[in-house]
N, C-alpha and C. Protein backbone atom coordinates (compact mmCIF):
# COMPACT_ATOMS: atom_id res chain seq x y z
N MET A 1 1.11 8.48 -19.90
CA MET A 1 2.42 8.60 -18.07
C MET A 1 2.27 6.83 -17.88
N LYS A 2 3.56 6.82 -18.03
CA LYS A 2 4.08 5.39 -17.71
C LYS A 2 4.73 5.31 -16.41
N ARG A 3 3.07 4.42 -15.99
CA ARG A 3 3.31 3.66 -14.35
C ARG A 3 3.70 2.67 -13.88
N ALA A 4 4.60 2.78 -12.65
CA ALA A 4 5.11 1.14 -12.22
C ALA A 4 4.37 0.97 -10.69
N ILE A 5 3.91 0.18 -10.43
CA ILE A 5 3.68 0.09 -9.25
C ILE A 5 5.30 -1.08 -8.42
N PHE A 6 5.84 -1.43 -7.02
CA PHE A 6 6.46 -1.44 -7.12
C PHE A 6 5.71 -2.23 -5.43
N PRO A 7 5.30 -3.65 -5.65
CA PRO A 7 5.13 -3.93 -4.90
C PRO A 7 4.75 -4.31 -3.72
N GLY A 8 4.78 -5.04 -2.33
CA GLY A 8 5.30 -4.87 -0.65
C GLY A 8 5.25 -5.39 0.21
N SER A 9 6.11 -5.61 1.48
CA SER A 9 5.29 -5.44 2.38
C SER A 9 6.37 -4.48 3.09
N PHE A 10 8.26 -3.79 2.88
CA PHE A 10 8.67 -4.17 3.02
C PHE A 10 8.54 -3.66 4.22
N ASP A 11 9.47 -4.73 5.00
CA ASP A 11 10.23 -5.00 6.41
C ASP A 11 11.46 -5.45 6.89
N PRO A 12 11.33 -4.36 6.95
CA PRO A 12 11.44 -2.63 6.12
C PRO A 12 12.52 -3.27 4.79
N ILE A 13 12.78 -1.53 4.14
CA ILE A 13 13.17 -1.32 3.28
C ILE A 13 14.07 -1.70 3.16
N THR A 14 15.19 -2.48 2.28
CA THR A 14 16.69 -2.68 2.28
C THR A 14 17.09 -2.56 1.29
N ASN A 15 18.88 -2.18 1.19
CA ASN A 15 18.86 -1.54 -0.45
C ASN A 15 18.96 -1.63 -1.41
N GLY A 16 18.51 -3.26 -1.34
CA GLY A 16 17.72 -3.69 -2.80
C GLY A 16 16.75 -3.54 -2.89
N HIS A 17 16.14 -3.00 -2.01
CA HIS A 17 14.96 -2.79 -2.68
C HIS A 17 14.97 -0.90 -3.25
N HIS A 18 15.92 0.02 -2.57
CA HIS A 18 16.65 1.32 -3.19
C HIS A 18 16.79 0.61 -4.93
N ASP A 19 17.14 0.54 -4.65
CA ASP A 19 18.04 -0.04 -5.92
C ASP A 19 17.58 -0.60 -6.59
N ILE A 20 16.96 -1.17 -6.39
CA ILE A 20 15.46 -1.50 -7.93
C ILE A 20 14.44 0.09 -8.50
N ILE A 21 14.26 0.69 -7.46
CA ILE A 21 13.25 1.47 -7.55
C ILE A 21 13.94 2.61 -8.33
N LEU A 22 15.56 3.49 -8.05
CA LEU A 22 16.21 3.61 -8.92
C LEU A 22 16.44 3.87 -9.52
N ARG A 23 17.05 2.32 -10.29
CA ARG A 23 16.71 1.46 -11.64
C ARG A 23 15.21 1.61 -12.25
N GLY A 24 14.20 1.46 -11.43
CA GLY A 24 12.78 1.68 -13.03
C GLY A 24 12.50 3.05 -12.27
N ILE A 25 12.44 4.27 -11.91
CA ILE A 25 12.36 5.94 -12.29
C ILE A 25 13.10 6.01 -13.82
N LYS A 26 14.25 5.09 -13.74
CA LYS A 26 14.75 5.22 -15.03
C LYS A 26 13.79 5.17 -16.46
N LEU A 27 12.78 4.55 -15.86
CA LEU A 27 11.98 3.27 -16.92
C LEU A 27 10.78 3.82 -17.18
N PHE A 28 10.11 4.61 -15.90
CA PHE A 28 8.98 4.81 -15.98
C PHE A 28 8.69 6.06 -15.56
N ASP A 29 7.32 6.77 -15.81
CA ASP A 29 8.28 7.86 -15.65
C ASP A 29 7.24 8.08 -14.25
N GLU A 30 7.18 6.94 -13.81
CA GLU A 30 6.30 6.96 -12.63
C GLU A 30 6.33 5.82 -11.56
N VAL A 31 7.31 5.87 -10.23
CA VAL A 31 7.12 4.25 -9.73
C VAL A 31 6.78 4.84 -8.76
N VAL A 32 5.62 4.14 -8.90
CA VAL A 32 4.27 3.49 -6.98
C VAL A 32 4.95 2.75 -6.24
N VAL A 33 5.61 3.01 -5.33
CA VAL A 33 6.34 2.31 -4.07
C VAL A 33 4.28 1.26 -3.66
N ALA A 34 4.10 0.47 -3.55
CA ALA A 34 2.84 -0.04 -3.02
C ALA A 34 2.72 -0.43 -1.35
N ILE A 35 2.63 -0.20 -0.45
CA ILE A 35 3.06 -1.32 0.94
C ILE A 35 1.68 -2.13 1.51
N GLY A 36 1.30 -3.83 0.66
CA GLY A 36 0.39 -4.14 0.78
C GLY A 36 0.33 -4.41 2.13
N ILE A 37 -0.88 -4.05 3.22
CA ILE A 37 -1.44 -4.56 3.79
C ILE A 37 -2.45 -5.98 4.01
N ASN A 38 -1.96 -6.61 5.13
CA ASN A 38 -1.93 -7.20 5.38
C ASN A 38 -2.31 -7.34 6.52
N ALA A 39 -3.30 -8.70 7.15
CA ALA A 39 -3.58 -8.26 9.32
C ALA A 39 -3.30 -9.31 8.93
N GLU A 40 -2.77 -10.80 8.65
CA GLU A 40 -2.95 -11.95 8.91
C GLU A 40 -1.00 -12.36 9.38
N LYS A 41 -0.40 -10.85 8.36
CA LYS A 41 1.61 -10.91 8.62
C LYS A 41 1.50 -10.80 10.14
N LYS A 42 2.36 -11.05 10.54
CA LYS A 42 3.52 -10.02 11.69
C LYS A 42 4.07 -9.17 11.48
N TYR A 43 4.26 -7.75 11.67
CA TYR A 43 5.12 -7.70 11.55
C TYR A 43 6.60 -6.58 12.72
N MET A 44 7.40 -6.87 11.86
CA MET A 44 8.09 -6.48 12.65
C MET A 44 7.73 -4.58 13.25
N PHE A 45 8.29 -3.99 11.44
CA PHE A 45 7.57 -2.94 12.44
C PHE A 45 5.95 -2.34 11.56
N SER A 46 5.32 -1.03 12.02
CA SER A 46 4.05 -0.65 11.43
C SER A 46 4.09 0.24 9.77
N LEU A 47 3.32 -0.64 10.14
CA LEU A 47 2.79 -0.04 8.48
C LEU A 47 3.33 2.24 8.40
N GLU A 48 3.22 2.53 9.14
CA GLU A 48 3.30 4.13 9.46
C GLU A 48 5.51 3.96 9.36
N GLU A 49 5.65 3.15 10.06
CA GLU A 49 6.71 3.20 10.57
C GLU A 49 7.20 2.76 9.11
N ARG A 50 6.57 1.41 8.03
CA ARG A 50 7.33 0.93 7.43
C ARG A 50 7.25 2.64 5.74
N LYS A 51 6.26 3.57 5.87
CA LYS A 51 6.20 4.06 4.67
C LYS A 51 6.86 5.36 4.99
N ALA A 52 7.22 5.26 5.73
CA ALA A 52 8.06 7.15 6.86
C ALA A 52 9.07 6.54 6.59
N PHE A 53 9.82 5.17 6.47
CA PHE A 53 11.15 4.56 5.98
C PHE A 53 11.17 5.41 4.54
N ILE A 54 10.24 4.61 3.93
CA ILE A 54 10.48 4.53 2.16
C ILE A 54 10.57 6.06 2.14
N GLU A 55 8.83 7.08 2.42
CA GLU A 55 8.80 8.71 1.95
C GLU A 55 10.83 9.12 2.48
N GLU A 56 10.61 8.89 3.49
CA GLU A 56 12.36 10.07 3.83
C GLU A 56 13.54 9.47 3.08
N THR A 57 13.17 8.22 2.20
CA THR A 57 14.33 7.81 1.73
C THR A 57 14.72 8.82 -0.15
N PHE A 58 12.97 8.48 -0.05
CA PHE A 58 12.83 8.74 -1.48
C PHE A 58 12.34 10.02 -1.90
N LYS A 59 12.15 11.04 -0.26
CA LYS A 59 12.26 12.49 -0.77
C LYS A 59 12.68 13.17 -1.18
N ASP A 60 13.44 13.52 -2.12
CA ASP A 60 13.81 14.32 -2.97
C ASP A 60 13.67 13.81 -4.13
N GLU A 61 12.14 12.45 -4.62
CA GLU A 61 12.84 12.20 -6.09
C GLU A 61 11.15 11.94 -6.32
N PRO A 62 10.69 13.45 -7.16
CA PRO A 62 9.97 13.16 -7.08
C PRO A 62 8.97 12.32 -8.49
N LYS A 63 9.62 11.40 -9.04
CA LYS A 63 8.60 10.01 -9.58
C LYS A 63 8.97 8.85 -8.68
N VAL A 64 8.85 9.86 -7.89
CA VAL A 64 9.01 7.96 -6.77
C VAL A 64 7.63 8.26 -5.38
N LYS A 65 6.48 8.09 -5.17
CA LYS A 65 5.34 7.96 -4.49
C LYS A 65 5.47 6.43 -3.61
N VAL A 66 4.43 6.69 -2.55
CA VAL A 66 5.04 5.53 -1.26
C VAL A 66 2.89 5.90 -1.05
N VAL A 67 2.57 4.73 -1.22
CA VAL A 67 0.90 4.59 -0.93
C VAL A 67 1.16 3.24 0.68
N THR A 68 -0.75 2.92 0.47
CA THR A 68 -0.94 1.96 1.43
C THR A 68 -1.94 1.36 0.09
N TYR A 69 -2.24 0.11 0.43
CA TYR A 69 -3.13 -0.48 -0.21
C TYR A 69 -3.82 -2.11 0.27
N LYS A 70 -4.91 -2.77 -0.36
CA LYS A 70 -4.69 -3.40 0.40
C LYS A 70 -6.19 -4.79 -0.76
N GLY A 71 -5.93 -5.89 -0.62
CA GLY A 71 -6.67 -6.34 -1.67
C GLY A 71 -5.19 -6.93 -2.66
N LEU A 72 -6.10 -7.10 -4.13
CA LEU A 72 -5.18 -7.38 -5.46
C LEU A 72 -4.21 -6.66 -5.54
N THR A 73 -3.63 -7.14 -6.13
CA THR A 73 -1.89 -5.86 -6.33
C THR A 73 -2.61 -5.46 -8.03
N ILE A 74 -3.63 -5.87 -8.62
CA ILE A 74 -3.47 -5.39 -9.78
C ILE A 74 -4.93 -5.63 -10.37
N ASP A 75 -6.58 -4.90 -9.16
CA ASP A 75 -6.84 -4.61 -8.75
C ASP A 75 -6.32 -2.82 -8.29
N PHE A 76 -5.35 -3.19 -7.99
CA PHE A 76 -4.85 -1.53 -7.63
C PHE A 76 -4.19 -0.98 -8.16
N CYS A 77 -3.60 -1.37 -9.36
CA CYS A 77 -2.85 -1.35 -10.54
C CYS A 77 -4.30 -0.28 -10.67
N LYS A 78 -5.51 -1.19 -11.61
CA LYS A 78 -6.55 -1.03 -11.68
C LYS A 78 -7.00 0.92 -12.54
N GLU A 79 -7.19 0.63 -10.14
CA GLU A 79 -7.57 2.10 -9.48
C GLU A 79 -6.67 3.23 -9.62
N ILE A 80 -5.46 2.92 -9.64
CA ILE A 80 -4.61 4.04 -9.98
C ILE A 80 -3.35 3.78 -11.51
N ASP A 81 -4.59 3.55 -12.24
CA ASP A 81 -3.95 3.66 -13.28
C ASP A 81 -2.48 3.02 -14.49
N ALA A 82 -2.23 2.21 -12.52
CA ALA A 82 -0.73 1.66 -13.63
C ALA A 82 -1.15 0.75 -14.11
N GLN A 83 -0.25 0.45 -15.81
CA GLN A 83 0.53 -0.25 -16.54
C GLN A 83 1.22 -1.15 -16.62
N PHE A 84 1.52 -1.38 -15.18
CA PHE A 84 3.87 -1.82 -14.96
C PHE A 84 3.14 -2.30 -13.76
N ILE A 85 3.60 -3.39 -12.93
CA ILE A 85 4.90 -4.08 -11.88
C ILE A 85 5.69 -4.26 -12.49
N LEU A 86 5.92 -4.04 -11.04
CA LEU A 86 7.51 -3.53 -10.88
C LEU A 86 8.18 -4.89 -10.17
N ARG A 87 9.32 -5.51 -10.34
CA ARG A 87 9.18 -6.23 -9.39
C ARG A 87 11.18 -7.45 -9.28
N GLY A 88 11.44 -7.07 -8.18
CA GLY A 88 13.46 -7.66 -8.61
C GLY A 88 13.33 -8.74 -7.98
N LEU A 89 14.18 -9.28 -8.74
CA LEU A 89 15.19 -10.46 -9.11
C LEU A 89 16.32 -11.16 -8.44
N ARG A 90 15.98 -12.06 -7.13
CA ARG A 90 17.72 -12.01 -6.90
C ARG A 90 18.00 -13.66 -7.28
N ASN A 91 17.44 -14.33 -7.09
CA ASN A 91 17.99 -15.66 -7.94
C ASN A 91 16.91 -16.61 -8.06
N PRO A 92 16.67 -17.73 -8.87
CA PRO A 92 16.41 -18.45 -9.18
C PRO A 92 14.94 -19.19 -7.99
N ALA A 93 14.66 -19.41 -7.14
CA ALA A 93 13.70 -18.94 -6.58
C ALA A 93 12.82 -18.33 -6.29
N ASP A 94 12.97 -16.81 -6.58
CA ASP A 94 12.61 -15.31 -6.73
C ASP A 94 11.37 -15.76 -8.26
N PHE A 95 12.95 -15.77 -8.75
CA PHE A 95 12.06 -16.53 -10.19
C PHE A 95 10.34 -17.33 -10.41
N GLU A 96 10.57 -17.94 -10.53
CA GLU A 96 9.94 -18.76 -10.39
C GLU A 96 8.19 -18.92 -9.58
N PHE A 97 8.59 -18.24 -8.19
CA PHE A 97 7.58 -17.87 -7.97
C PHE A 97 7.42 -16.79 -8.50
N GLU A 98 7.62 -15.28 -9.08
CA GLU A 98 7.40 -14.45 -9.24
C GLU A 98 6.89 -15.05 -10.86
N LYS A 99 7.24 -15.89 -11.53
CA LYS A 99 6.76 -16.10 -12.98
C LYS A 99 5.47 -16.77 -12.13
N ALA A 100 5.26 -17.04 -11.48
CA ALA A 100 3.51 -17.59 -11.35
C ALA A 100 2.51 -16.80 -10.95
N ILE A 101 3.48 -15.91 -10.18
CA ILE A 101 2.52 -14.96 -9.83
C ILE A 101 1.85 -13.41 -11.22
N ALA A 102 3.10 -13.06 -11.93
CA ALA A 102 3.17 -12.95 -13.61
C ALA A 102 2.35 -13.06 -13.84
N HIS A 103 2.24 -14.79 -14.34
CA HIS A 103 1.85 -14.92 -15.19
C HIS A 103 -0.07 -15.53 -15.17
N THR A 104 -0.54 -15.10 -12.90
CA THR A 104 -1.85 -15.78 -12.99
C THR A 104 -2.25 -13.51 -13.08
N ASN A 105 -1.38 -12.60 -13.36
CA ASN A 105 -1.43 -11.43 -12.92
C ASN A 105 -2.82 -11.16 -14.61
N ARG A 106 -1.25 -11.32 -15.39
CA ARG A 106 -1.71 -11.65 -17.00
C ARG A 106 -3.08 -11.61 -17.97
N LYS A 107 -3.26 -13.45 -16.95
CA LYS A 107 -4.76 -13.88 -16.93
C LYS A 107 -5.47 -12.99 -16.47
N LEU A 108 -5.83 -12.34 -15.33
CA LEU A 108 -6.59 -11.47 -14.54
C LEU A 108 -6.00 -9.99 -15.68
N SER A 109 -6.14 -9.42 -16.12
CA SER A 109 -5.91 -8.31 -15.91
C SER A 109 -4.54 -8.19 -18.12
N LYS A 110 -4.72 -7.16 -18.29
CA LYS A 110 -3.57 -6.36 -19.33
C LYS A 110 -2.54 -6.47 -18.89
N ILE A 111 -1.97 -6.41 -17.15
CA ILE A 111 -0.64 -5.58 -16.33
C ILE A 111 0.51 -6.04 -16.54
N GLU A 112 1.38 -5.74 -17.12
CA GLU A 112 2.34 -6.39 -17.73
C GLU A 112 3.35 -6.57 -16.50
N THR A 113 4.34 -7.26 -16.61
CA THR A 113 5.27 -7.26 -14.85
C THR A 113 6.90 -6.95 -15.90
N VAL A 114 7.49 -6.62 -15.73
CA VAL A 114 8.63 -6.27 -15.36
C VAL A 114 9.21 -6.15 -14.50
N PHE A 115 10.33 -6.90 -14.88
CA PHE A 115 11.95 -8.31 -13.38
C PHE A 115 12.41 -7.13 -13.65
N LEU A 116 13.41 -6.71 -12.40
CA LEU A 116 15.01 -6.39 -13.40
C LEU A 116 16.01 -6.88 -11.36
N LEU A 117 16.79 -7.38 -12.43
CA LEU A 117 17.76 -8.18 -11.54
C LEU A 117 18.86 -7.17 -10.48
N THR A 118 18.12 -7.69 -9.52
CA THR A 118 19.14 -6.97 -8.25
C THR A 118 20.40 -7.00 -8.55
N ALA A 119 21.17 -5.62 -8.40
CA ALA A 119 22.70 -6.01 -8.17
C ALA A 119 23.27 -6.87 -7.17
N ALA A 120 24.40 -6.82 -8.01
CA ALA A 120 25.36 -8.15 -7.19
C ALA A 120 25.48 -7.93 -5.69
N LYS A 121 25.21 -6.79 -5.92
CA LYS A 121 26.29 -6.25 -4.56
C LYS A 121 24.78 -6.26 -3.00
N THR A 122 24.06 -6.49 -4.68
CA THR A 122 22.72 -6.33 -2.79
C THR A 122 21.96 -7.18 -2.91
N SER A 123 22.23 -8.41 -3.59
CA SER A 123 21.89 -9.66 -4.38
C SER A 123 21.18 -11.05 -3.33
N PHE A 124 21.26 -10.31 -1.69
CA PHE A 124 21.90 -11.26 -1.25
C PHE A 124 20.82 -11.35 0.38
N ILE A 125 20.26 -10.06 -0.57
CA ILE A 125 20.00 -8.70 1.44
C ILE A 125 18.40 -9.10 0.81
N SER A 126 17.81 -9.26 1.77
CA SER A 126 16.22 -9.94 1.69
C SER A 126 15.72 -9.32 2.97
N SER A 127 14.42 -8.50 3.46
CA SER A 127 13.73 -7.85 4.50
C SER A 127 14.09 -8.61 5.87
N SER A 128 13.97 -10.34 4.76
CA SER A 128 13.52 -11.17 6.57
C SER A 128 15.48 -11.40 7.39
N ILE A 129 16.25 -11.55 6.41
CA ILE A 129 17.68 -11.59 6.78
C ILE A 129 18.04 -10.23 7.32
N VAL A 130 17.18 -8.47 7.25
CA VAL A 130 17.05 -7.41 7.84
C VAL A 130 16.42 -7.41 9.51
N ARG A 131 15.84 -8.06 9.68
CA ARG A 131 14.99 -7.99 10.10
C ARG A 131 15.24 -9.60 11.61
N ASP A 132 16.06 -11.15 11.29
CA ASP A 132 17.27 -11.79 12.12
C ASP A 132 17.90 -10.83 12.24
N VAL A 133 19.38 -9.85 11.93
CA VAL A 133 20.25 -9.19 11.88
C VAL A 133 19.62 -8.23 13.31
N LEU A 134 18.62 -7.72 12.98
CA LEU A 134 17.57 -6.85 14.28
C LEU A 134 17.95 -7.62 15.23
N ARG A 135 16.80 -8.47 15.67
CA ARG A 135 16.56 -9.56 16.35
C ARG A 135 18.01 -10.02 16.97
N ASN A 136 18.85 -9.97 16.63
CA ASN A 136 19.71 -10.23 17.36
C ASN A 136 21.19 -9.86 16.69
N ASP A 137 20.59 -8.33 17.29
CA ASP A 137 21.36 -7.35 17.81
C ASP A 137 22.25 -6.71 16.82
N GLY A 138 22.33 -7.18 15.70
CA GLY A 138 24.22 -7.19 14.53
C GLY A 138 23.58 -5.82 13.71
N ASP A 139 24.72 -5.19 12.67
CA ASP A 139 24.61 -4.01 12.51
C ASP A 139 23.68 -4.46 10.87
N TYR A 140 22.53 -3.28 11.00
CA TYR A 140 21.68 -3.67 10.00
C TYR A 140 21.98 -2.81 8.92
N THR A 141 22.17 -2.02 9.68
CA THR A 141 22.35 -0.73 8.91
C THR A 141 22.89 -0.80 7.67
N VAL A 142 24.53 -1.16 7.42
CA VAL A 142 24.96 -1.96 6.02
C VAL A 142 23.66 -2.58 5.40
N LEU A 143 22.70 -2.55 5.21
CA LEU A 143 21.97 -3.32 4.35
C LEU A 143 20.80 -2.97 4.04
N VAL A 144 20.69 -1.62 4.86
CA VAL A 144 19.10 -0.93 4.53
C VAL A 144 19.43 0.82 4.06
N PRO A 145 18.39 1.68 4.30
CA PRO A 145 18.82 2.52 3.24
C PRO A 145 18.89 3.81 4.21
N ASN A 146 20.05 4.65 4.77
CA ASN A 146 20.06 5.73 5.67
C ASN A 146 18.46 5.62 7.20
N SER A 147 17.07 6.06 6.16
CA SER A 147 16.08 6.67 6.17
C SER A 147 15.85 4.89 8.11
N VAL A 148 16.56 3.41 7.96
CA VAL A 148 15.66 3.44 8.57
C VAL A 148 17.18 2.96 9.67
N ARG A 149 16.61 3.51 11.05
CA ARG A 149 17.41 3.14 12.03
C ARG A 149 15.47 2.61 13.40
N VAL A 150 16.59 2.05 13.82
CA VAL A 150 15.89 1.38 14.94
C VAL A 150 16.00 2.05 16.33
N ASN A 151 15.64 2.28 17.27
CA ASN A 151 16.11 1.97 18.87
C ASN A 151 15.94 1.08 19.59
N LYS A 152 16.38 0.56 20.01
CA LYS A 152 17.09 -0.69 19.76
C LYS A 152 16.91 -0.61 21.59
């Protein structure tokens, strides 16, 4: 089985993430959306909310699993027998950042990183932008899957 993990904080999941996952399931037998737990980060949404948003978004897609993890992504890959890390690239800055992580991961393990370019229609979206729109009472719904609904 070709299993890939798509790691991130998903605070919240965006239409860009959604697009990468949908395209990833065409390449892999299973895509594990892995929500990293970082006690030092301040999240807008709880871990349970973030997980529920993703599970609801992909409830009809058996090739997508949603889990949480702590520690190094490559250690988690070994734990669940994932041979690939899936990442989306929006711009050159993403590429430079992700390239360094991918090289480090390959140095520490045999796990390959597969990059997909985001679709042009979602390349401007980031979770940070979504959170900023939310904080300022803007219409965030055009940036996220329908499962992400916030009680204002």
